[in-house]
């Protein structure tokens, strides 16, 4: 592939209290959890500002217009499907069927370590590999990418999405389908303990959270 045209798919939720980072909310409060997510979302907006072909897929059709207002993006679509696996497969299929892309990356919007450089590295890796996969410290993954001809339903089926083996099970399926470039492991922030651990390495996040502690 000499010229690589790669879509960047981002899964997100509209930041409102009650349905954002529920485990973190249980450890703190709904408002605290949504503000942490809003911070991570705004930082991702900044990391993506110089990246082309970004498509946001939000949860809930009613949130598309609201998300457009806070993000400034126009390429916003609705996630469809019952399970997370179905929603991811459907997002890839929609992008590949509607647009002329050679490859696509799909990532979450709530991982502190996702950066412009990491996204570009994932994109570049698809010149030489069929897939790329970035795991998180809790056994899940924050990013999956693939060349256009490599989309298979099986990769997203039979996975226990709330369990600790999401990454390993997905990697096994990918290895049976083609070559894969593994990306660095990043920390997920699902609980207050996760957040405190991440704050040790992320000064920007630490400063923000310290200002928010009064809301706990």
Protein backbone atom coordinates (compact mmCIF):
# COMPACT_ATOMS: atom_id res chain seq x y z
CA UNK A 1 0.00 0.00 0.00
CA UNK A 2 1.79 3.14 -1.16
CA UNK A 3 -0.91 5.62 -0.24
CA UNK A 4 -2.67 4.72 2.98
CA UNK A 5 -6.12 6.19 3.54
CA UNK A 6 -7.17 5.19 7.03
CA UNK A 7 -10.35 6.04 8.93
CA UNK A 8 -10.20 6.72 12.64
CA UNK A 9 -13.35 5.48 14.39
CA UNK A 10 -13.90 6.66 17.95
CA UNK A 11 -16.54 5.19 20.26
CA UNK A 12 -17.89 7.70 22.75
CA UNK A 13 -20.77 8.61 25.01
CA UNK A 14 -22.27 12.01 25.56
CA UNK A 15 -20.92 13.12 28.96
CA UNK A 16 -23.88 13.23 31.31
CA UNK A 17 -24.18 11.89 34.83
CA UNK A 18 -25.72 8.47 35.30
CA UNK A 19 -24.34 6.40 32.43
CA UNK A 20 -20.64 7.29 32.41
CA UNK A 21 -17.95 5.17 34.08
CA UNK A 22 -20.36 3.55 36.51
CA UNK A 23 -17.67 1.76 38.55
CA UNK A 24 -15.78 5.00 39.07
CA UNK A 25 -19.09 6.68 39.95
CA UNK A 26 -19.79 3.96 42.53
CA UNK A 27 -16.42 4.70 44.15
CA UNK A 28 -16.99 8.47 44.10
CA UNK A 29 -20.08 10.12 42.59
CA UNK A 30 -21.89 10.41 39.27
CA UNK A 31 -20.78 14.01 38.85
CA UNK A 32 -17.15 13.20 39.59
CA UNK A 33 -17.15 10.32 37.10
CA UNK A 34 -18.68 12.39 34.32
CA UNK A 35 -16.21 15.24 34.89
CA UNK A 36 -13.27 12.83 34.66
CA UNK A 37 -14.71 11.43 31.43
CA UNK A 38 -15.29 14.94 30.10
CA UNK A 39 -11.65 15.76 30.83
CA UNK A 40 -10.43 12.66 28.97
CA UNK A 41 -12.78 13.40 26.09
CA UNK A 42 -11.60 16.99 25.75
CA UNK A 43 -7.99 15.86 25.79
CA UNK A 44 -8.73 13.35 23.04
CA UNK A 45 -10.34 16.13 20.99
CA UNK A 46 -7.00 17.93 21.29
CA UNK A 47 -4.96 14.85 20.30
CA UNK A 48 -7.14 14.36 17.22
CA UNK A 49 -7.18 17.96 16.01
CA UNK A 50 -4.41 17.36 13.44
CA UNK A 51 -5.67 13.94 12.35
CA UNK A 52 -7.89 13.54 9.30
CA UNK A 53 -10.80 11.18 8.65
CA UNK A 54 -12.11 10.94 12.21
CA UNK A 55 -15.58 9.43 12.64
CA UNK A 56 -17.28 9.51 16.02
CA UNK A 57 -19.78 6.78 16.86
CA UNK A 58 -21.87 7.74 19.89
CA UNK A 59 -24.20 5.72 22.05
CA UNK A 60 -27.83 6.74 21.46
CA UNK A 61 -29.26 8.45 18.39
CA UNK A 62 -30.61 11.23 20.61
CA UNK A 63 -27.05 12.18 21.55
CA UNK A 64 -25.69 12.79 18.04
CA UNK A 65 -26.64 16.46 17.86
CA UNK A 66 -25.56 17.16 21.45
CA UNK A 67 -22.20 15.49 20.85
CA UNK A 68 -21.71 17.49 17.66
CA UNK A 69 -22.08 20.70 19.65
CA UNK A 70 -19.44 19.84 22.24
CA UNK A 71 -16.99 18.25 19.80
CA UNK A 72 -17.22 20.45 16.72
CA UNK A 73 -17.25 17.32 14.54
CA UNK A 74 -19.76 16.66 11.79
CA UNK A 75 -18.88 13.02 11.07
CA UNK A 76 -20.92 11.63 13.96
CA UNK A 77 -22.82 8.38 13.69
CA UNK A 78 -24.82 6.18 16.04
CA UNK A 79 -23.53 2.90 17.42
CA UNK A 80 -25.77 0.00 16.40
CA UNK A 81 -25.91 -3.52 17.81
CA UNK A 82 -26.65 -5.23 21.11
CA UNK A 83 -23.19 -6.27 22.28
CA UNK A 84 -19.98 -4.26 22.16
CA UNK A 85 -18.68 -6.73 19.59
CA UNK A 86 -21.68 -6.16 17.32
CA UNK A 87 -21.33 -2.41 17.64
CA UNK A 88 -17.65 -2.48 16.71
CA UNK A 89 -18.16 -4.81 13.77
CA UNK A 90 -21.06 -2.68 12.50
CA UNK A 91 -18.96 0.49 12.77
CA UNK A 92 -16.13 -1.02 10.71
CA UNK A 93 -18.60 -2.38 8.17
CA UNK A 94 -20.34 0.98 7.83
CA UNK A 95 -17.11 2.88 7.26
CA UNK A 96 -15.71 0.34 4.80
CA UNK A 97 -18.97 0.14 2.84
CA UNK A 98 -19.59 3.90 2.65
CA UNK A 99 -16.07 5.27 2.26
CA UNK A 100 -13.00 4.46 0.17
CA UNK A 101 -10.58 3.64 2.96
CA UNK A 102 -7.70 1.18 2.84
CA UNK A 103 -7.86 0.59 6.59
CA UNK A 104 -9.50 1.76 9.79
CA UNK A 105 -8.66 2.12 13.46
CA UNK A 106 -11.32 1.89 16.17
CA UNK A 107 -10.60 3.22 19.63
CA UNK A 108 -12.29 4.15 22.87
CA UNK A 109 -12.52 7.69 24.18
CA UNK A 110 -11.72 7.19 27.86
CA UNK A 111 -8.13 5.88 27.93
CA UNK A 112 -5.73 8.53 29.30
CA UNK A 113 -2.71 7.44 27.26
CA UNK A 114 -4.15 7.64 23.74
CA UNK A 115 -2.12 10.22 21.82
CA UNK A 116 -1.72 11.61 18.33
CA UNK A 117 1.59 9.78 17.93
CA UNK A 118 0.13 6.47 19.05
CA UNK A 119 -2.76 6.77 16.60
CA UNK A 120 -0.36 7.60 13.77
CA UNK A 121 1.83 4.63 14.71
CA UNK A 122 -1.19 2.34 14.60
CA UNK A 123 -2.14 3.72 11.21
CA UNK A 124 1.36 3.30 9.81
CA UNK A 125 1.59 -0.27 11.11
CA UNK A 126 -1.25 -1.25 8.79
CA UNK A 127 1.06 -0.73 5.83
CA UNK A 128 2.80 -3.96 6.79
CA UNK A 129 0.35 -5.83 9.01
CA UNK A 130 -3.24 -6.96 8.55
CA UNK A 131 -4.19 -5.84 12.07
CA UNK A 132 -2.99 -3.78 15.00
CA UNK A 133 -4.12 -4.16 18.60
CA UNK A 134 -3.50 -2.07 21.70
CA UNK A 135 -4.22 -3.73 25.04
CA UNK A 136 -5.17 -2.22 28.37
CA UNK A 137 -3.91 -3.23 31.79
CA UNK A 138 -7.26 -4.78 32.78
CA UNK A 139 -7.18 -7.41 30.04
CA UNK A 140 -9.21 -5.47 27.51
CA UNK A 141 -8.10 -3.41 24.56
CA UNK A 142 -8.37 0.28 23.73
CA UNK A 143 -7.66 0.15 19.99
CA UNK A 144 -8.11 -2.32 17.16
CA UNK A 145 -7.20 -1.62 13.56
CA UNK A 146 -7.33 -3.55 10.31
CA UNK A 147 -6.89 -3.41 6.57
CA UNK A 148 -10.13 -3.23 4.63
CA UNK A 149 -10.20 -6.82 3.45
CA UNK A 150 -9.61 -8.22 6.94
CA UNK A 151 -12.93 -7.44 8.62
CA UNK A 152 -14.39 -10.67 10.03
CA UNK A 153 -17.34 -11.10 12.37
CA UNK A 154 -15.57 -13.90 14.21
CA UNK A 155 -13.07 -11.46 15.70
CA UNK A 156 -15.89 -9.81 17.64
CA UNK A 157 -17.93 -12.91 18.51
CA UNK A 158 -17.70 -15.24 21.51
CA UNK A 159 -15.93 -12.63 23.64
CA UNK A 160 -16.89 -12.02 27.28
CA UNK A 161 -16.60 -8.25 27.08
CA UNK A 162 -16.66 -7.60 30.81
CA UNK A 163 -14.06 -10.27 31.56
CA UNK A 164 -10.25 -10.25 31.89
CA UNK A 165 -9.54 -12.21 28.70
CA UNK A 166 -10.88 -9.84 26.05
CA UNK A 167 -7.42 -8.93 24.77
CA UNK A 168 -6.00 -12.47 24.77
CA UNK A 169 -9.11 -14.00 23.19
CA UNK A 170 -9.19 -11.31 20.50
CA UNK A 171 -5.48 -11.67 19.80
CA UNK A 172 -5.94 -15.42 19.36
CA UNK A 173 -8.67 -14.81 16.78
CA UNK A 174 -6.58 -12.21 14.97
CA UNK A 175 -3.53 -14.49 14.84
CA UNK A 176 -5.67 -17.06 13.06
CA UNK A 177 -6.70 -14.46 10.48
CA UNK A 178 -3.47 -12.64 9.64
CA UNK A 179 -0.45 -10.70 10.89
CA UNK A 180 -0.73 -8.24 13.77
CA UNK A 181 1.29 -5.35 15.17
CA UNK A 182 0.89 -5.02 18.94
CA UNK A 183 0.77 -1.51 20.37
CA UNK A 184 1.86 -0.43 23.82
CA UNK A 185 -0.27 -1.39 26.81
CA UNK A 186 -2.16 1.52 28.38
CA UNK A 187 -3.96 1.94 31.68
CA UNK A 188 -7.73 1.86 31.74
CA UNK A 189 -9.50 3.93 34.38
CA UNK A 190 -12.57 2.08 35.60
CA UNK A 191 -12.29 2.55 39.36
CA UNK A 192 -11.06 5.19 41.78
CA UNK A 193 -8.02 3.02 42.47
CA UNK A 194 -7.26 2.91 38.73
CA UNK A 195 -7.54 6.68 38.61
CA UNK A 196 -5.17 7.17 41.55
CA UNK A 197 -2.61 4.86 39.93
CA UNK A 198 -2.81 6.71 36.61
CA UNK A 199 -2.37 10.05 38.39
CA UNK A 200 1.14 8.97 39.43
CA UNK A 201 2.24 9.16 35.78
CA UNK A 202 -0.14 11.73 34.30
CA UNK A 203 0.51 15.18 35.76
CA UNK A 204 -2.24 16.85 33.75
CA UNK A 205 -4.83 14.35 34.93
CA UNK A 206 -3.49 14.52 38.48
CA UNK A 207 -3.85 18.30 38.58
CA UNK A 208 -7.41 18.09 37.28
CA UNK A 209 -8.48 15.39 39.73
CA UNK A 210 -6.97 17.19 42.70
CA UNK A 211 -9.21 20.14 41.87
CA UNK A 212 -12.19 17.80 41.73
CA UNK A 213 -11.64 15.97 45.01
CA UNK A 214 -13.89 18.42 46.83
CA UNK A 215 -16.80 16.95 44.86
CA UNK A 216 -16.26 13.45 46.22
